Protein backbone atom coordinates (compact mmCIF):
# COMPACT_ATOMS: atom_id res chain seq x y z
CA MET A 1 114.62 101.63 114.26
CA LYS A 2 118.01 101.12 116.50
CA VAL A 3 119.43 100.79 119.88
CA VAL A 4 121.05 104.29 118.80
CA ASP A 5 117.84 106.04 118.31
CA ILE A 6 116.13 105.60 121.48
CA LEU A 7 120.15 105.82 122.98
CA ARG A 8 119.64 109.54 121.65
CA VAL A 9 116.49 110.38 122.60
CA LYS A 10 117.24 108.70 126.30
CA GLY A 11 120.86 110.12 126.94
CA GLY A 12 124.18 109.05 127.84
CA THR A 13 123.84 109.40 131.89
CA LEU A 14 125.26 106.34 133.31
CA PHE A 15 125.86 105.21 137.14
CA THR A 16 127.99 102.64 137.85
CA VAL A 17 129.48 100.74 140.89
CA SER A 18 132.45 98.29 141.32
CA PRO A 19 132.26 94.90 142.00
CA ASP A 20 134.26 95.60 145.46
CA GLN A 21 131.49 97.79 146.13
CA ALA A 22 128.93 96.98 149.19
CA LEU A 23 125.87 95.77 148.21
CA LYS A 24 124.56 98.42 150.88
CA GLU A 25 126.36 101.59 148.79
CA ALA A 26 124.44 100.26 145.23
CA LEU A 27 121.16 99.97 147.20
CA ASP A 28 121.73 103.71 148.27
CA VAL A 29 122.26 104.51 145.04
CA MET A 30 119.72 102.59 143.40
CA ALA A 31 117.41 103.93 145.74
CA GLU A 32 118.49 107.65 145.54
CA ARG A 33 118.38 107.88 141.65
CA ASP A 34 115.41 106.01 141.77
CA ILE A 35 116.61 103.39 139.23
CA GLY A 36 116.59 99.69 138.87
CA SER A 37 120.45 98.58 137.42
CA LEU A 38 123.62 99.61 138.09
CA VAL A 39 126.31 98.56 135.56
CA VAL A 40 129.21 96.62 137.48
CA MET A 41 132.85 98.24 136.25
CA GLU A 42 136.46 97.80 137.45
CA HIS A 43 139.26 99.06 135.43
CA GLY A 44 137.07 100.40 133.16
CA ASP A 45 135.65 97.08 131.94
CA LEU A 46 131.66 96.15 131.73
CA VAL A 47 132.12 92.88 134.11
CA GLY A 48 128.09 92.95 135.16
CA MET A 49 124.65 94.31 135.93
CA LEU A 50 123.36 94.68 139.29
CA THR A 51 119.24 95.09 138.86
CA PHE A 52 116.83 94.48 141.38
CA ARG A 53 116.73 91.28 140.73
CA GLU A 54 119.82 90.34 141.74
CA VAL A 55 119.05 92.69 144.97
CA ILE A 56 116.13 91.11 146.35
CA GLN A 57 117.10 87.62 145.71
CA ALA A 58 120.30 87.52 147.95
CA VAL A 59 118.09 89.96 150.54
CA VAL A 60 115.78 86.58 151.10
CA LYS A 61 119.10 83.91 150.89
CA ASN A 62 120.80 86.18 153.82
CA GLY A 63 116.84 85.81 155.86
CA GLY A 64 116.03 89.62 154.85
CA ALA A 65 119.49 91.45 155.02
CA VAL A 66 122.24 92.76 153.07
CA GLY A 67 124.38 92.44 155.31
CA THR A 68 128.23 92.57 154.62
CA THR A 69 127.48 91.42 151.08
CA ILE A 70 129.11 92.76 148.57
CA VAL A 71 128.46 93.34 144.62
CA ARG A 72 130.14 90.54 142.99
CA THR A 73 129.12 88.25 144.75
CA VAL A 74 125.02 88.72 143.50
CA MET A 75 125.95 90.65 140.61
CA ASP A 76 124.69 89.63 137.09
CA ASP A 77 128.19 88.36 136.02
CA ALA A 78 126.91 87.84 132.47
CA PRO A 79 124.55 90.40 131.09
CA LEU A 80 123.16 90.28 127.45
CA THR A 81 124.56 93.79 125.99
CA CYS A 82 123.81 94.82 122.15
CA THR A 83 125.07 97.77 119.72
CA PRO A 84 123.82 100.83 119.20
CA GLU A 85 123.40 99.19 115.57
CA THR A 86 121.07 96.63 116.94
CA GLU A 87 117.60 96.38 116.00
CA ILE A 88 114.87 97.21 118.72
CA ASP A 89 113.07 94.23 117.61
CA GLU A 90 116.22 92.21 118.00
CA VAL A 91 116.68 93.30 121.46
CA ARG A 92 113.47 92.53 121.90
CA ARG A 93 113.54 89.14 121.69
CA MET A 94 117.23 88.44 123.45
CA MET A 95 115.26 90.49 126.18
CA LEU A 96 111.65 88.65 126.48
CA GLY A 97 114.46 85.04 126.25
CA ARG A 98 116.46 86.20 129.35
CA HIS A 99 113.63 88.20 131.08
CA ALA A 100 116.02 90.82 130.94
CA ARG A 101 114.32 94.52 132.29
CA TYR A 102 118.36 96.02 131.47
CA MET A 103 120.56 95.85 128.47
CA PRO A 104 123.88 97.28 128.09
CA VAL A 105 124.94 99.85 125.25
CA MET A 106 128.52 98.53 124.03
CA ASN A 107 130.27 99.17 121.44
CA GLY A 108 133.19 97.38 121.02
CA ARG A 109 134.67 97.30 125.20
CA THR A 110 133.41 101.16 125.18
CA LEU A 111 130.12 101.10 127.42
CA MET A 112 127.66 103.85 125.65
CA GLY A 113 124.20 103.49 128.12
CA VAL A 114 121.58 101.19 129.56
CA ILE A 115 118.50 100.20 127.58
CA SER A 116 115.90 99.17 129.70
CA PHE A 117 112.44 97.39 128.81
CA TYR A 118 110.47 99.75 129.43
CA ASP A 119 112.59 102.25 126.46
CA VAL A 120 112.56 99.76 124.53
CA ALA A 121 108.43 99.35 124.82
CA LYS A 122 108.17 103.47 124.58
CA ALA A 123 110.58 103.71 121.48
CA VAL A 124 108.06 100.84 120.04
CA VAL A 125 104.64 102.73 121.04
CA ASP A 126 105.73 106.15 120.02
CA SER A 127 106.26 104.83 116.35
CA GLN A 128 103.95 103.01 116.42
CA ASP A 129 102.13 106.21 116.98
CA PHE A 130 103.86 108.24 114.77
CA GLU A 131 102.69 105.76 112.01
CA ASN A 132 99.41 106.23 113.21
CA ARG A 133 99.18 109.60 112.71
CA MET A 134 101.09 109.58 109.50
CA LEU A 135 98.05 107.76 108.24
CA LYS A 136 95.86 109.05 109.37
CA ALA A 137 96.20 112.00 107.71
CA TYR A 138 97.14 110.70 104.13
CA ILE A 139 93.45 109.36 104.89
CA ARG A 140 92.04 112.41 106.11
CA ASP A 141 93.81 114.33 102.68
CA TRP A 142 92.78 111.34 100.01
CA PRO A 143 91.82 113.17 97.36
CA VAL A 144 88.02 113.64 96.48
CA GLU A 145 86.61 112.25 93.21
CA GLU A 146 84.69 115.22 91.42
CA ASN A 147 82.21 112.36 89.65
CA THR A 148 81.56 109.95 92.08
CA ALA A 149 79.78 107.48 89.35
CA GLU A 150 82.99 107.25 87.25
CA ALA A 151 84.35 106.62 90.25
CA GLU A 152 83.04 103.42 90.61
CA PRO A 153 83.82 99.75 89.86
CA LYS A 154 81.94 98.82 86.87
CA LEU A 155 80.95 95.01 87.31
């Protein structure tokens, strides 16, 4: 299974923010849309990711307030990325290695979408469920031998 399979199911809705935007505005979008990350774009290019991890660290560092903080000062400016053709097993390994919950999907310099660790886990579980159903159907339809004595192995 590849990342493109997840994007096909998930759809291509993207929420972005500018690096010079106020963190408060970014938080408003995240809360309003019930999302855990925003892609930080500047002049059409991916320049970072803003997730709840960066937000919490910034709020704690600022004594519990957002204040006049701008996105650029708290965003992850070197996020992990993958391509639509990246295998899901590789994505899992990358995300686990960096404790990343969100990963932008890039096709060259074009942002195709963002996948979350939840999206990856759901795709894996759905795939395993499908495989289990197919195996159970195969076993259920196993041909029955007419003469069971002949079907037993001889010692």
